């Protein structure tokens, strides 16, 4: 089960959330063995975020956690897609993505 947690300093409208949900559902399939059918998403907007000592966002942090492991190429491919989405859909100026991989999950 992949989990994607999006924290943004800006507002995320219902329309933007739907676009991100759909596009992240497609992007997760870039990681072998992962799909939207088991994807859990969390969107948190209007977060107080600072980057380089400034709050001149929009700033977005995307934490993606997957069960198991994948290749560096798959992480790069998914990461580029996810970061691009945040820039395109939210107009994000500062975007970072963290990928966690492991088997210490219970569900």
PDB file of N, CA and C in Angstrom:
ATOM      1  N   UNK A   1       0.836  -1.182   0.000  1.00  0.00           N
ATOM      2  CA  UNK A   1       0.000   0.000   0.000  1.00  0.00           C
ATOM      3  C   UNK A   1       0.879   1.242   0.000  1.00  0.00           C
ATOM      4  N   UNK A   2       0.852   2.011  -1.054  1.00  0.00           N
ATOM      5  CA  UNK A   2       1.559   3.290  -1.021  1.00  0.00           C
ATOM      6  C   UNK A   2       0.732   4.332  -0.259  1.00  0.00           C
ATOM      7  N   UNK A   3       1.422   5.259   0.370  1.00  0.00           N
ATOM      8  CA  UNK A   3       0.792   6.375   1.068  1.00  0.00           C
ATOM      9  C   UNK A   3       1.498   7.646   0.624  1.00  0.00           C
ATOM     10  N   UNK A   4       0.726   8.625   0.176  1.00  0.00           N
ATOM     11  CA  UNK A   4       1.295   9.909  -0.228  1.00  0.00           C
ATOM     12  C   UNK A   4       0.676  10.994   0.640  1.00  0.00           C
ATOM     13  N   UNK A   5       1.529  11.714   1.362  1.00  0.00           N
ATOM     14  CA  UNK A   5       1.124  12.786   2.261  1.00  0.00           C
ATOM     15  C   UNK A   5       1.619  14.104   1.676  1.00  0.00           C
ATOM     16  N   UNK A   6       0.693  14.973   1.296  1.00  0.00           N
ATOM     17  CA  UNK A   6       1.029  16.252   0.675  1.00  0.00           C
ATOM     18  C   UNK A   6       0.727  17.366   1.673  1.00  0.00           C
ATOM     19  N   UNK A   7       1.762  18.120   2.034  1.00  0.00           N
ATOM     20  CA  UNK A   7       1.599  19.282   2.900  1.00  0.00           C
ATOM     21  C   UNK A   7       1.926  20.513   2.063  1.00  0.00           C
ATOM     22  N   UNK A   8       1.011  21.480   2.054  1.00  0.00           N
ATOM     23  CA  UNK A   8       1.193  22.675   1.222  1.00  0.00           C
ATOM     24  C   UNK A   8       0.944  23.933   2.038  1.00  0.00           C
ATOM     25  N   UNK A   9       1.713  24.965   1.756  1.00  0.00           N
ATOM     26  CA  UNK A   9       1.517  26.235   2.451  1.00  0.00           C
ATOM     27  C   UNK A   9       0.354  27.030   1.867  1.00  0.00           C
ATOM     28  N   UNK A  10      -0.123  26.627   0.710  1.00  0.00           N
ATOM     29  CA  UNK A  10      -1.224  27.324   0.041  1.00  0.00           C
ATOM     30  C   UNK A  10      -2.530  26.558   0.223  1.00  0.00           C
ATOM     31  N   UNK A  11      -3.612  27.176  -0.186  1.00  0.00           N
ATOM     32  CA  UNK A  11      -4.897  26.488  -0.190  1.00  0.00           C
ATOM     33  C   UNK A  11      -4.903  25.456  -1.317  1.00  0.00           C
ATOM     34  N   UNK A  12      -5.550  24.324  -1.071  1.00  0.00           N
ATOM     35  CA  UNK A  12      -5.793  23.329  -2.111  1.00  0.00           C
ATOM     36  C   UNK A  12      -7.305  23.272  -2.294  1.00  0.00           C
ATOM     37  N   UNK A  13      -7.764  23.743  -3.439  1.00  0.00           N
ATOM     38  CA  UNK A  13      -9.205  23.739  -3.700  1.00  0.00           C
ATOM     39  C   UNK A  13      -9.674  22.309  -3.972  1.00  0.00           C
ATOM     40  N   UNK A  14     -10.972  22.121  -3.956  1.00  0.00           N
ATOM     41  CA  UNK A  14     -11.538  20.797  -4.257  1.00  0.00           C
ATOM     42  C   UNK A  14     -11.158  20.345  -5.658  1.00  0.00           C
ATOM     43  N   UNK A  15     -11.161  21.277  -6.595  1.00  0.00           N
ATOM     44  CA  UNK A  15     -10.794  20.949  -7.976  1.00  0.00           C
ATOM     45  C   UNK A  15      -9.324  20.544  -8.067  1.00  0.00           C
ATOM     46  N   UNK A  16      -8.455  21.289  -7.388  1.00  0.00           N
ATOM     47  CA  UNK A  16      -7.029  20.956  -7.386  1.00  0.00           C
ATOM     48  C   UNK A  16      -6.793  19.600  -6.722  1.00  0.00           C
ATOM     49  N   UNK A  17      -7.483  19.336  -5.628  1.00  0.00           N
ATOM     50  CA  UNK A  17      -7.331  18.062  -4.932  1.00  0.00           C
ATOM     51  C   UNK A  17      -7.728  16.901  -5.839  1.00  0.00           C
ATOM     52  N   UNK A  18      -8.804  17.060  -6.564  1.00  0.00           N
ATOM     53  CA  UNK A  18      -9.242  16.011  -7.483  1.00  0.00           C
ATOM     54  C   UNK A  18      -8.204  15.789  -8.591  1.00  0.00           C
ATOM     55  N   UNK A  19      -7.663  16.877  -9.145  1.00  0.00           N
ATOM     56  CA  UNK A  19      -6.623  16.751 -10.177  1.00  0.00           C
ATOM     57  C   UNK A  19      -5.395  16.042  -9.625  1.00  0.00           C
ATOM     58  N   UNK A  20      -4.982  16.424  -8.419  1.00  0.00           N
ATOM     59  CA  UNK A  20      -3.812  15.790  -7.803  1.00  0.00           C
ATOM     60  C   UNK A  20      -4.087  14.320  -7.509  1.00  0.00           C
ATOM     61  N   UNK A  21      -5.277  14.011  -6.996  1.00  0.00           N
ATOM     62  CA  UNK A  21      -5.637  12.624  -6.695  1.00  0.00           C
ATOM     63  C   UNK A  21      -5.533  11.762  -7.940  1.00  0.00           C
ATOM     64  N   UNK A  22      -6.115  12.244  -9.024  1.00  0.00           N
ATOM     65  CA  UNK A  22      -6.100  11.476 -10.267  1.00  0.00           C
ATOM     66  C   UNK A  22      -4.688  11.326 -10.826  1.00  0.00           C
ATOM     67  N   UNK A  23      -3.936  12.418 -10.855  1.00  0.00           N
ATOM     68  CA  UNK A  23      -2.591  12.383 -11.428  1.00  0.00           C
ATOM     69  C   UNK A  23      -1.616  11.592 -10.563  1.00  0.00           C
ATOM     70  N   UNK A  24      -1.734  11.695  -9.233  1.00  0.00           N
ATOM     71  CA  UNK A  24      -0.863  10.900  -8.360  1.00  0.00           C
ATOM     72  C   UNK A  24      -1.216   9.419  -8.470  1.00  0.00           C
ATOM     73  N   UNK A  25      -2.491   9.120  -8.695  1.00  0.00           N
ATOM     74  CA  UNK A  25      -2.910   7.738  -8.921  1.00  0.00           C
ATOM     75  C   UNK A  25      -2.251   7.152 -10.153  1.00  0.00           C
ATOM     76  N   UNK A  26      -2.104   7.969 -11.192  1.00  0.00           N
ATOM     77  CA  UNK A  26      -1.397   7.529 -12.401  1.00  0.00           C
ATOM     78  C   UNK A  26       0.105   7.457 -12.156  1.00  0.00           C
ATOM     79  N   UNK A  27       0.642   8.443 -11.463  1.00  0.00           N
ATOM     80  CA  UNK A  27       2.100   8.516 -11.242  1.00  0.00           C
ATOM     81  C   UNK A  27       2.612   7.361 -10.390  1.00  0.00           C
ATOM     82  N   UNK A  28       1.823   6.903  -9.417  1.00  0.00           N
ATOM     83  CA  UNK A  28       2.304   5.839  -8.535  1.00  0.00           C
ATOM     84  C   UNK A  28       2.564   4.556  -9.321  1.00  0.00           C
ATOM     85  N   UNK A  29       1.893   4.392 -10.447  1.00  0.00           N
ATOM     86  CA  UNK A  29       2.094   3.202 -11.286  1.00  0.00           C
ATOM     87  C   UNK A  29       3.478   3.198 -11.943  1.00  0.00           C
ATOM     88  N   UNK A  30       4.204   4.294 -11.846  1.00  0.00           N
ATOM     89  CA  UNK A  30       5.582   4.338 -12.352  1.00  0.00           C
ATOM     90  C   UNK A  30       6.517   3.521 -11.467  1.00  0.00           C
ATOM     91  N   UNK A  31       6.024   3.176 -10.286  1.00  0.00           N
ATOM     92  CA  UNK A  31       6.789   2.322  -9.379  1.00  0.00           C
ATOM     93  C   UNK A  31       6.278   0.899  -9.579  1.00  0.00           C
ATOM     94  N   UNK A  32       7.134  -0.019 -10.013  1.00  0.00           N
ATOM     95  CA  UNK A  32       6.685  -1.395 -10.293  1.00  0.00           C
ATOM     96  C   UNK A  32       5.924  -2.006  -9.115  1.00  0.00           C
ATOM     97  N   UNK A  33       4.767  -2.595  -9.428  1.00  0.00           N
ATOM     98  CA  UNK A  33       3.962  -3.272  -8.418  1.00  0.00           C
ATOM     99  C   UNK A  33       3.035  -2.364  -7.633  1.00  0.00           C
ATOM    100  N   UNK A  34       3.049  -1.068  -7.914  1.00  0.00           N
ATOM    101  CA  UNK A  34       2.188  -0.125  -7.186  1.00  0.00           C
ATOM    102  C   UNK A  34       1.100   0.389  -8.120  1.00  0.00           C
ATOM    103  N   UNK A  35      -0.071   0.667  -7.537  1.00  0.00           N
ATOM    104  CA  UNK A  35      -1.174   1.171  -8.348  1.00  0.00           C
ATOM    105  C   UNK A  35      -2.118   1.998  -7.482  1.00  0.00           C
ATOM    106  N   UNK A  36      -3.009   2.701  -8.149  1.00  0.00           N
ATOM    107  CA  UNK A  36      -3.982   3.526  -7.443  1.00  0.00           C
ATOM    108  C   UNK A  36      -4.953   2.683  -6.623  1.00  0.00           C
ATOM    109  N   UNK A  37      -5.125   1.418  -6.989  1.00  0.00           N
ATOM    110  CA  UNK A  37      -6.123   0.578  -6.323  1.00  0.00           C
ATOM    111  C   UNK A  37      -5.863   0.387  -4.831  1.00  0.00           C
ATOM    112  N   UNK A  38      -4.626   0.606  -4.388  1.00  0.00           N
ATOM    113  CA  UNK A  38      -4.314   0.490  -2.956  1.00  0.00           C
ATOM    114  C   UNK A  38      -3.656   1.758  -2.415  1.00  0.00           C
ATOM    115  N   UNK A  39      -3.769   2.849  -3.154  1.00  0.00           N
ATOM    116  CA  UNK A  39      -3.128   4.108  -2.782  1.00  0.00           C
ATOM    117  C   UNK A  39      -3.949   4.867  -1.754  1.00  0.00           C
ATOM    118  N   UNK A  40      -3.291   5.320  -0.687  1.00  0.00           N
ATOM    119  CA  UNK A  40      -3.912   6.191   0.301  1.00  0.00           C
ATOM    120  C   UNK A  40      -3.273   7.573   0.161  1.00  0.00           C
ATOM    121  N   UNK A  41      -4.118   8.603   0.150  1.00  0.00           N
ATOM    122  CA  UNK A  41      -3.656   9.978  -0.016  1.00  0.00           C
ATOM    123  C   UNK A  41      -4.108  10.841   1.148  1.00  0.00           C
ATOM    124  N   UNK A  42      -3.290  11.823   1.494  1.00  0.00           N
ATOM    125  CA  UNK A  42      -3.651  12.811   2.506  1.00  0.00           C
ATOM    126  C   UNK A  42      -3.204  14.177   1.990  1.00  0.00           C
ATOM    127  N   UNK A  43      -4.112  15.150   1.994  1.00  0.00           N
ATOM    128  CA  UNK A  43      -3.794  16.509   1.577  1.00  0.00           C
ATOM    129  C   UNK A  43      -4.000  17.438   2.759  1.00  0.00           C
ATOM    130  N   UNK A  44      -2.981  18.213   3.089  1.00  0.00           N
ATOM    131  CA  UNK A  44      -3.073  19.200   4.155  1.00  0.00           C
ATOM    132  C   UNK A  44      -2.666  20.543   3.560  1.00  0.00           C
ATOM    133  N   UNK A  45      -3.586  21.500   3.579  1.00  0.00           N
ATOM    134  CA  UNK A  45      -3.271  22.798   2.997  1.00  0.00           C
ATOM    135  C   UNK A  45      -3.174  23.875   4.072  1.00  0.00           C
ATOM    136  N   UNK A  46      -2.798  25.065   3.633  1.00  0.00           N
ATOM    137  CA  UNK A  46      -2.637  26.221   4.514  1.00  0.00           C
ATOM    138  C   UNK A  46      -1.710  25.938   5.691  1.00  0.00           C
ATOM    139  N   UNK A  47      -0.684  25.137   5.453  1.00  0.00           N
ATOM    140  CA  UNK A  47       0.308  24.824   6.489  1.00  0.00           C
ATOM    141  C   UNK A  47       1.289  25.990   6.604  1.00  0.00           C
ATOM    142  N   UNK A  48       1.764  26.240   7.796  1.00  0.00           N
ATOM    143  CA  UNK A  48       2.791  27.261   7.994  1.00  0.00           C
ATOM    144  C   UNK A  48       4.134  26.616   7.697  1.00  0.00           C
ATOM    145  N   UNK A  49       4.735  27.003   6.561  1.00  0.00           N
ATOM    146  CA  UNK A  49       5.980  26.385   6.118  1.00  0.00           C
ATOM    147  C   UNK A  49       6.998  27.468   5.771  1.00  0.00           C
ATOM    148  N   UNK A  50       8.242  27.179   6.112  1.00  0.00           N
ATOM    149  CA  UNK A  50       9.343  28.090   5.831  1.00  0.00           C
ATOM    150  C   UNK A  50      10.381  27.350   5.002  1.00  0.00           C
ATOM    151  N   UNK A  51      10.986  28.064   4.066  1.00  0.00           N
ATOM    152  CA  UNK A  51      12.085  27.502   3.278  1.00  0.00           C
ATOM    153  C   UNK A  51      13.158  28.580   3.155  1.00  0.00           C
ATOM    154  N   UNK A  52      14.388  28.219   3.487  1.00  0.00           N
ATOM    155  CA  UNK A  52      15.526  29.141   3.438  1.00  0.00           C
ATOM    156  C   UNK A  52      15.266  30.402   4.263  1.00  0.00           C
ATOM    157  N   UNK A  53      14.584  30.227   5.405  1.00  0.00           N
ATOM    158  CA  UNK A  53      14.322  31.342   6.302  1.00  0.00           C
ATOM    159  C   UNK A  53      13.207  32.257   5.849  1.00  0.00           C
ATOM    160  N   UNK A  54      12.490  31.867   4.810  1.00  0.00           N
ATOM    161  CA  UNK A  54      11.430  32.717   4.276  1.00  0.00           C
ATOM    162  C   UNK A  54      10.136  31.915   4.143  1.00  0.00           C
ATOM    163  N   UNK A  55       9.030  32.633   4.143  1.00  0.00           N
ATOM    164  CA  UNK A  55       7.736  31.966   3.933  1.00  0.00           C
ATOM    165  C   UNK A  55       7.112  32.451   2.625  1.00  0.00           C
ATOM    166  N   UNK A  56       7.939  32.547   1.587  1.00  0.00           N
ATOM    167  CA  UNK A  56       7.495  33.078   0.296  1.00  0.00           C
ATOM    168  C   UNK A  56       7.133  31.968  -0.685  1.00  0.00           C
ATOM    169  N   UNK A  57       6.256  31.080  -0.271  1.00  0.00           N
ATOM    170  CA  UNK A  57       5.860  29.921  -1.079  1.00  0.00           C
ATOM    171  C   UNK A  57       5.076  30.309  -2.299  1.00  0.00           C
ATOM    172  N   UNK A  58       4.235  29.447  -2.781  1.00  0.00           N
ATOM    173  CA  UNK A  58       3.828  28.210  -2.139  1.00  0.00           C
ATOM    174  C   UNK A  58       4.963  27.190  -2.016  1.00  0.00           C
ATOM    175  N   UNK A  59       4.981  26.557  -0.862  1.00  0.00           N
ATOM    176  CA  UNK A  59       5.941  25.511  -0.559  1.00  0.00           C
ATOM    177  C   UNK A  59       5.165  24.213  -0.328  1.00  0.00           C
ATOM    178  N   UNK A  60       5.694  23.122  -0.876  1.00  0.00           N
ATOM    179  CA  UNK A  60       5.011  21.828  -0.762  1.00  0.00           C
ATOM    180  C   UNK A  60       6.021  20.750  -0.385  1.00  0.00           C
ATOM    181  N   UNK A  61       5.629  19.901   0.557  1.00  0.00           N
ATOM    182  CA  UNK A  61       6.407  18.728   0.933  1.00  0.00           C
ATOM    183  C   UNK A  61       5.549  17.510   0.640  1.00  0.00           C
ATOM    184  N   UNK A  62       6.104  16.586  -0.138  1.00  0.00           N
ATOM    185  CA  UNK A  62       5.399  15.360  -0.501  1.00  0.00           C
ATOM    186  C   UNK A  62       6.162  14.186   0.107  1.00  0.00           C
ATOM    187  N   UNK A  63       5.540  13.474   1.033  1.00  0.00           N
ATOM    188  CA  UNK A  63       6.167  12.284   1.603  1.00  0.00           C
ATOM    189  C   UNK A  63       5.440  11.078   1.038  1.00  0.00           C
ATOM    190  N   UNK A  64       6.192  10.240   0.371  1.00  0.00           N
ATOM    191  CA  UNK A  64       5.635   9.021  -0.211  1.00  0.00           C
ATOM    192  C   UNK A  64       6.256   7.827   0.494  1.00  0.00           C
ATOM    193  N   UNK A  65       5.428   6.945   0.994  1.00  0.00           N
ATOM    194  CA  UNK A  65       5.897   5.729   1.653  1.00  0.00           C
ATOM    195  C   UNK A  65       5.349   4.533   0.892  1.00  0.00           C
ATOM    196  N   UNK A  66       6.228   3.589   0.618  1.00  0.00           N
ATOM    197  CA  UNK A  66       5.785   2.372  -0.068  1.00  0.00           C
ATOM    198  C   UNK A  66       6.191   1.149   0.745  1.00  0.00           C
ATOM    199  N   UNK A  67       5.374   0.118   0.642  1.00  0.00           N
ATOM    200  CA  UNK A  67       5.705  -1.162   1.246  1.00  0.00           C
ATOM    201  C   UNK A  67       6.658  -1.873   0.297  1.00  0.00           C
ATOM    202  N   UNK A  68       7.800  -2.284   0.823  1.00  0.00           N
ATOM    203  CA  UNK A  68       8.807  -2.944   0.002  1.00  0.00           C
ATOM    204  C   UNK A  68       9.842  -1.945  -0.473  1.00  0.00           C
ATOM    205  N   UNK A  69      10.533  -2.311  -1.523  1.00  0.00           N
ATOM    206  CA  UNK A  69      11.566  -1.446  -2.080  1.00  0.00           C
ATOM    207  C   UNK A  69      11.395  -1.359  -3.593  1.00  0.00           C
ATOM    208  N   UNK A  70      12.053  -0.371  -4.157  1.00  0.00           N
ATOM    209  CA  UNK A  70      12.025  -0.191  -5.605  1.00  0.00           C
ATOM    210  C   UNK A  70      13.378   0.317  -6.067  1.00  0.00           C
ATOM    211  N   UNK A  71      13.514   0.550  -7.343  1.00  0.00           N
ATOM    212  CA  UNK A  71      14.783   0.993  -7.925  1.00  0.00           C
ATOM    213  C   UNK A  71      14.936   2.507  -7.820  1.00  0.00           C
ATOM    214  N   UNK A  72      16.172   2.951  -7.920  1.00  0.00           N
ATOM    215  CA  UNK A  72      16.451   4.386  -7.934  1.00  0.00           C
ATOM    216  C   UNK A  72      15.799   5.046  -9.145  1.00  0.00           C
ATOM    217  N   UNK A  73      15.770   4.352 -10.266  1.00  0.00           N
ATOM    218  CA  UNK A  73      15.135   4.897 -11.466  1.00  0.00           C
ATOM    219  C   UNK A  73      13.640   5.112 -11.263  1.00  0.00           C
ATOM    220  N   UNK A  74      12.975   4.174 -10.595  1.00  0.00           N
ATOM    221  CA  UNK A  74      11.539   4.309 -10.341  1.00  0.00           C
ATOM    222  C   UNK A  74      11.272   5.470  -9.390  1.00  0.00           C
ATOM    223  N   UNK A  75      12.110   5.626  -8.382  1.00  0.00           N
ATOM    224  CA  UNK A  75      11.965   6.751  -7.443  1.00  0.00           C
ATOM    225  C   UNK A  75      12.131   8.064  -8.195  1.00  0.00           C
ATOM    226  N   UNK A  76      13.141   8.136  -9.056  1.00  0.00           N
ATOM    227  CA  UNK A  76      13.393   9.351  -9.837  1.00  0.00           C
ATOM    228  C   UNK A  76      12.211   9.653 -10.763  1.00  0.00           C
ATOM    229  N   UNK A  77      11.716   8.646 -11.449  1.00  0.00           N
ATOM    230  CA  UNK A  77      10.609   8.820 -12.387  1.00  0.00           C
ATOM    231  C   UNK A  77       9.351   9.302 -11.662  1.00  0.00           C
ATOM    232  N   UNK A  78       9.002   8.628 -10.568  1.00  0.00           N
ATOM    233  CA  UNK A  78       7.835   9.041  -9.792  1.00  0.00           C
ATOM    234  C   UNK A  78       8.055  10.436  -9.202  1.00  0.00           C
ATOM    235  N   UNK A  79       9.241  10.667  -8.657  1.00  0.00           N
ATOM    236  CA  UNK A  79       9.551  11.957  -8.032  1.00  0.00           C
ATOM    237  C   UNK A  79       9.409  13.120  -8.996  1.00  0.00           C
ATOM    238  N   UNK A  80       9.932  12.969 -10.200  1.00  0.00           N
ATOM    239  CA  UNK A  80       9.818  14.034 -11.197  1.00  0.00           C
ATOM    240  C   UNK A  80       8.355  14.307 -11.534  1.00  0.00           C
ATOM    241  N   UNK A  81       7.570  13.239 -11.671  1.00  0.00           N
ATOM    242  CA  UNK A  81       6.144  13.403 -11.976  1.00  0.00           C
ATOM    243  C   UNK A  81       5.423  14.117 -10.837  1.00  0.00           C
ATOM    244  N   UNK A  82       5.669  13.696  -9.604  1.00  0.00           N
ATOM    245  CA  UNK A  82       4.975  14.281  -8.445  1.00  0.00           C
ATOM    246  C   UNK A  82       5.374  15.738  -8.236  1.00  0.00           C
ATOM    247  N   UNK A  83       6.656  16.038  -8.336  1.00  0.00           N
ATOM    248  CA  UNK A  83       7.113  17.419  -8.165  1.00  0.00           C
ATOM    249  C   UNK A  83       6.526  18.301  -9.270  1.00  0.00           C
ATOM    250  N   UNK A  84       6.536  17.809 -10.499  1.00  0.00           N
ATOM    251  CA  UNK A  84       5.955  18.563 -11.605  1.00  0.00           C
ATOM    252  C   UNK A  84       4.478  18.857 -11.393  1.00  0.00           C
ATOM    253  N   UNK A  85       3.754  17.892 -10.839  1.00  0.00           N
ATOM    254  CA  UNK A  85       2.328  18.093 -10.548  1.00  0.00           C
ATOM    255  C   UNK A  85       2.119  19.213  -9.537  1.00  0.00           C
ATOM    256  N   UNK A  86       2.936  19.245  -8.499  1.00  0.00           N
ATOM    257  CA  UNK A  86       2.789  20.280  -7.470  1.00  0.00           C
ATOM    258  C   UNK A  86       3.053  21.665  -8.057  1.00  0.00           C
ATOM    259  N   UNK A  87       4.039  21.741  -8.936  1.00  0.00           N
ATOM    260  CA  UNK A  87       4.332  23.017  -9.593  1.00  0.00           C
ATOM    261  C   UNK A  87       3.179  23.422 -10.526  1.00  0.00           C
ATOM    262  N   UNK A  88       2.691  22.465 -11.304  1.00  0.00           N
ATOM    263  CA  UNK A  88       1.642  22.743 -12.291  1.00  0.00           C
ATOM    264  C   UNK A  88       0.300  23.041 -11.639  1.00  0.00           C
ATOM    265  N   UNK A  89      -0.135  22.187 -10.725  1.00  0.00           N
ATOM    266  CA  UNK A  89      -1.484  22.298 -10.160  1.00  0.00           C
ATOM    267  C   UNK A  89      -1.568  23.348  -9.054  1.00  0.00           C
ATOM    268  N   UNK A  90      -0.539  23.417  -8.198  1.00  0.00           N
ATOM    269  CA  UNK A  90      -0.585  24.338  -7.063  1.00  0.00           C
ATOM    270  C   UNK A  90       0.242  25.601  -7.272  1.00  0.00           C
ATOM    271  N   UNK A  91       0.996  25.652  -8.354  1.00  0.00           N
ATOM    272  CA  UNK A  91       1.870  26.808  -8.569  1.00  0.00           C
ATOM    273  C   UNK A  91       2.984  26.873  -7.549  1.00  0.00           C
ATOM    274  N   UNK A  92       3.400  25.716  -7.044  1.00  0.00           N
ATOM    275  CA  UNK A  92       4.398  25.654  -5.981  1.00  0.00           C
ATOM    276  C   UNK A  92       5.747  26.172  -6.452  1.00  0.00           C
ATOM    277  N   UNK A  93       6.358  26.978  -5.619  1.00  0.00           N
ATOM    278  CA  UNK A  93       7.681  27.540  -5.887  1.00  0.00           C
ATOM    279  C   UNK A  93       8.766  26.610  -5.347  1.00  0.00           C
ATOM    280  N   UNK A  94       8.550  26.095  -4.166  1.00  0.00           N
ATOM    281  CA  UNK A  94       9.493  25.191  -3.502  1.00  0.00           C
ATOM    282  C   UNK A  94       8.803  23.854  -3.291  1.00  0.00           C
ATOM    283  N   UNK A  95       9.352  22.795  -3.868  1.00  0.00           N
ATOM    284  CA  UNK A  95       8.748  21.466  -3.737  1.00  0.00           C
ATOM    285  C   UNK A  95       9.836  20.465  -3.396  1.00  0.00           C
ATOM    286  N   UNK A  96       9.573  19.661  -2.387  1.00  0.00           N
ATOM    287  CA  UNK A  96      10.480  18.575  -2.033  1.00  0.00           C
ATOM    288  C   UNK A  96       9.683  17.297  -1.883  1.00  0.00           C
ATOM    289  N   UNK A  97      10.324  16.188  -2.232  1.00  0.00           N
ATOM    290  CA  UNK A  97       9.690  14.888  -2.123  1.00  0.00           C
ATOM    291  C   UNK A  97      10.617  13.960  -1.359  1.00  0.00           C
ATOM    292  N   UNK A  98      10.043  13.248  -0.417  1.00  0.00           N
ATOM    293  CA  UNK A  98      10.786  12.244   0.353  1.00  0.00           C
ATOM    294  C   UNK A  98      10.132  10.896   0.092  1.00  0.00           C
ATOM    295  N   UNK A  99      10.948   9.899  -0.223  1.00  0.00           N
ATOM    296  CA  UNK A  99      10.446   8.544  -0.472  1.00  0.00           C
ATOM    297  C   UNK A  99      10.938   7.642   0.650  1.00  0.00           C
ATOM    298  N   UNK A 100      10.010   6.986   1.321  1.00  0.00           N
ATOM    299  CA  UNK A 100      10.341   5.998   2.345  1.00  0.00           C
ATOM    300  C   UNK A 100       9.989   4.617   1.812  1.00  0.00           C
ATOM    301  N   UNK A 101      10.895   3.676   2.016  1.00  0.00           N
ATOM    302  CA  UNK A 101      10.672   2.310   1.565  1.00  0.00           C
ATOM    303  C   UNK A 101      10.928   1.374   2.742  1.00  0.00           C
ATOM    304  N   UNK A 102      10.114   0.341   2.871  1.00  0.00           N
ATOM    305  CA  UNK A 102      10.346  -0.604   3.954  1.00  0.00           C
ATOM    306  C   UNK A 102       9.206  -1.591   4.109  1.00  0.00           C
ATOM    307  N   UNK A 103       9.402  -2.515   5.032  1.00  0.00           N
ATOM    308  CA  UNK A 103       8.397  -3.536   5.276  1.00  0.00           C
ATOM    309  C   UNK A 103       7.845  -3.494   6.700  1.00  0.00           C
ATOM    310  N   UNK A 104       8.161  -2.465   7.440  1.00  0.00           N
ATOM    311  CA  UNK A 104       7.650  -2.327   8.812  1.00  0.00           C
ATOM    312  C   UNK A 104       6.278  -1.682   8.785  1.00  0.00           C
ATOM    313  N   UNK A 105       5.314  -2.371   8.206  1.00  0.00           N
ATOM    314  CA  UNK A 105       3.948  -1.885   8.073  1.00  0.00           C
ATOM    315  C   UNK A 105       2.998  -2.923   8.678  1.00  0.00           C
ATOM    316  N   UNK A 106       1.882  -2.440   9.151  1.00  0.00           N
ATOM    317  CA  UNK A 106       0.804  -3.352   9.589  1.00  0.00           C
ATOM    318  C   UNK A 106      -0.495  -2.807   8.999  1.00  0.00           C
ATOM    319  N   UNK A 107      -1.312  -3.682   8.455  1.00  0.00           N
ATOM    320  CA  UNK A 107      -2.599  -3.254   7.905  1.00  0.00           C
ATOM    321  C   UNK A 107      -3.542  -4.428   7.863  1.00  0.00           C
TER     322      UNK A 107
END
